[in-house]
Amino acid sequence: MDVLYSLLDVDNQRLDIIVQEKTFTNTLNFVVTTLTDDIFSLIHTIVDRFCTNILPRIHHNVKFLIVDSVSMERILLVADYPNLTEIKLFNFNRNIVSCYFTDQSPFRRIFQ
């Protein structure tokens, strides 16, 4: 994640190609774990940049997403993830997440 965020779009086409490779894009972690095992979302500006600039370019490589219940919807709706096999969800909020596991869910195609 740090490599993608730091090096993508730095006016170097060669770096852009390298950081979009599967090594850097197959697992994306959108949460921060502290030394005391507290879990927090990434700051909004980082998630914003991923959603607007990065995920649309690398979505086909993503196999594993680590998200919290607050940012999950935004991240999953940015693009299709044809190779996504696992989602790890933190700060589970029953009220927020329960609507995602229904037949009417916008994520139905992902969870099938």
Protein backbone atom coordinates (compact mmCIF):
# COMPACT_ATOMS: atom_id res chain seq x y z
CA MET A 1 0.00 0.00 0.00
CA ASP A 2 2.76 2.44 0.89
CA VAL A 3 4.57 1.72 -2.36
CA LEU A 4 1.43 2.29 -4.38
CA TYR A 5 0.52 5.46 -2.55
CA SER A 6 4.04 6.89 -2.66
CA LEU A 7 5.23 5.96 -6.12
CA LEU A 8 2.19 5.87 -8.40
CA ASP A 9 1.80 9.07 -10.44
CA VAL A 10 5.19 10.56 -9.62
CA ASP A 11 5.80 11.52 -13.25
CA ASN A 12 7.76 8.39 -13.99
CA GLN A 13 6.09 5.99 -16.39
CA ARG A 14 8.48 3.16 -15.59
CA LEU A 15 7.75 3.41 -11.85
CA ASP A 16 4.01 3.47 -12.60
CA ILE A 17 4.30 0.18 -14.46
CA ILE A 18 6.40 -1.46 -11.74
CA VAL A 19 4.16 -0.49 -8.81
CA GLN A 20 1.06 -1.74 -10.62
CA GLU A 21 2.46 -5.28 -10.74
CA LYS A 22 0.81 -8.04 -8.71
CA THR A 23 3.53 -8.01 -6.08
CA PHE A 24 2.32 -4.63 -4.87
CA THR A 25 -1.38 -4.93 -5.71
CA ASN A 26 -2.67 -8.38 -4.75
CA THR A 27 -3.17 -7.55 -1.04
CA LEU A 28 -4.43 -4.15 0.06
CA ASN A 29 -4.74 -3.26 3.71
CA PHE A 30 -6.97 -0.26 4.49
CA VAL A 31 -6.66 -0.51 8.28
CA VAL A 32 -3.92 0.32 10.77
CA THR A 33 -3.23 -1.89 13.77
CA THR A 34 -1.52 -0.35 16.78
CA LEU A 35 0.87 -2.06 19.16
CA THR A 36 -2.06 -2.54 21.55
CA ASP A 37 -4.09 -4.23 18.79
CA ASP A 38 -6.44 -1.30 18.29
CA ILE A 39 -7.65 -1.06 14.71
CA PHE A 40 -8.26 2.18 12.84
CA SER A 41 -9.20 3.14 9.30
CA LEU A 42 -6.64 4.80 7.12
CA ILE A 43 -7.08 8.55 6.97
CA HIS A 44 -9.71 9.72 4.49
CA THR A 45 -7.27 11.42 2.14
CA ILE A 46 -5.43 8.14 1.57
CA VAL A 47 -8.66 6.20 0.99
CA ASP A 48 -9.85 9.00 -1.31
CA ARG A 49 -6.74 8.76 -3.45
CA PHE A 50 -6.99 4.98 -3.63
CA CYS A 51 -10.63 5.16 -4.64
CA THR A 52 -10.22 7.85 -7.27
CA ASN A 53 -6.79 7.17 -8.75
CA ILE A 54 -5.31 3.84 -7.73
CA LEU A 55 -8.02 1.16 -7.42
CA PRO A 56 -9.49 1.79 -10.88
CA ARG A 57 -6.04 1.03 -12.32
CA ILE A 58 -5.16 -2.07 -10.28
CA HIS A 59 -8.53 -3.65 -9.42
CA HIS A 60 -7.91 -6.67 -11.66
CA ASN A 61 -4.87 -7.68 -9.55
CA VAL A 62 -6.52 -7.44 -6.13
CA LYS A 63 -6.99 -10.83 -4.44
CA PHE A 64 -7.24 -9.84 -0.78
CA LEU A 65 -8.76 -6.74 0.82
CA ILE A 66 -8.47 -5.76 4.46
CA VAL A 67 -11.09 -3.13 5.28
CA ASP A 68 -13.23 -1.80 8.08
CA SER A 69 -17.01 -1.65 7.95
CA VAL A 70 -17.04 2.11 7.41
CA SER A 71 -14.83 2.17 4.31
CA MET A 72 -15.85 -1.20 2.87
CA GLU A 73 -18.70 0.08 0.71
CA ARG A 74 -16.71 2.84 -0.90
CA ILE A 75 -13.75 0.58 -1.67
CA LEU A 76 -15.85 -2.27 -3.07
CA LEU A 77 -17.97 -0.02 -5.29
CA VAL A 78 -15.00 1.66 -6.95
CA ALA A 79 -14.38 -1.24 -9.34
CA ASP A 80 -15.01 -4.87 -10.08
CA TYR A 81 -12.49 -7.19 -8.48
CA PRO A 82 -12.47 -10.29 -10.70
CA ASN A 83 -9.69 -11.98 -8.72
CA LEU A 84 -10.88 -11.10 -5.23
CA THR A 85 -10.95 -14.24 -3.09
CA GLU A 86 -10.86 -12.88 0.44
CA ILE A 87 -12.08 -9.89 2.42
CA LYS A 88 -11.01 -9.39 5.99
CA LEU A 89 -13.43 -7.08 7.78
CA PHE A 90 -12.51 -5.18 10.95
CA ASN A 91 -14.59 -3.06 13.30
CA PHE A 92 -17.59 -5.08 12.30
CA ASN A 93 -20.77 -3.07 12.74
CA ARG A 94 -23.82 -5.30 12.50
CA ASN A 95 -26.12 -2.46 11.42
CA ILE A 96 -23.84 -1.34 8.63
CA VAL A 97 -22.75 -4.72 7.37
CA SER A 98 -26.05 -6.63 7.60
CA CYS A 99 -27.43 -4.77 4.59
CA TYR A 100 -24.50 -6.02 2.48
CA PHE A 101 -25.40 -9.69 2.77
CA THR A 102 -28.84 -9.58 1.15
CA ASP A 103 -30.12 -10.30 -2.35
CA GLN A 104 -30.51 -6.56 -2.93
CA SER A 105 -26.95 -5.75 -1.93
CA PRO A 106 -24.77 -3.90 -4.41
CA PHE A 107 -22.08 -6.44 -3.45
CA ARG A 108 -24.11 -9.51 -4.32
CA ARG A 109 -21.90 -10.21 -7.33
CA ILE A 110 -18.81 -10.11 -5.11
CA PHE A 111 -20.15 -12.36 -2.36
CA GLN A 112 -21.49 -15.09 -4.64
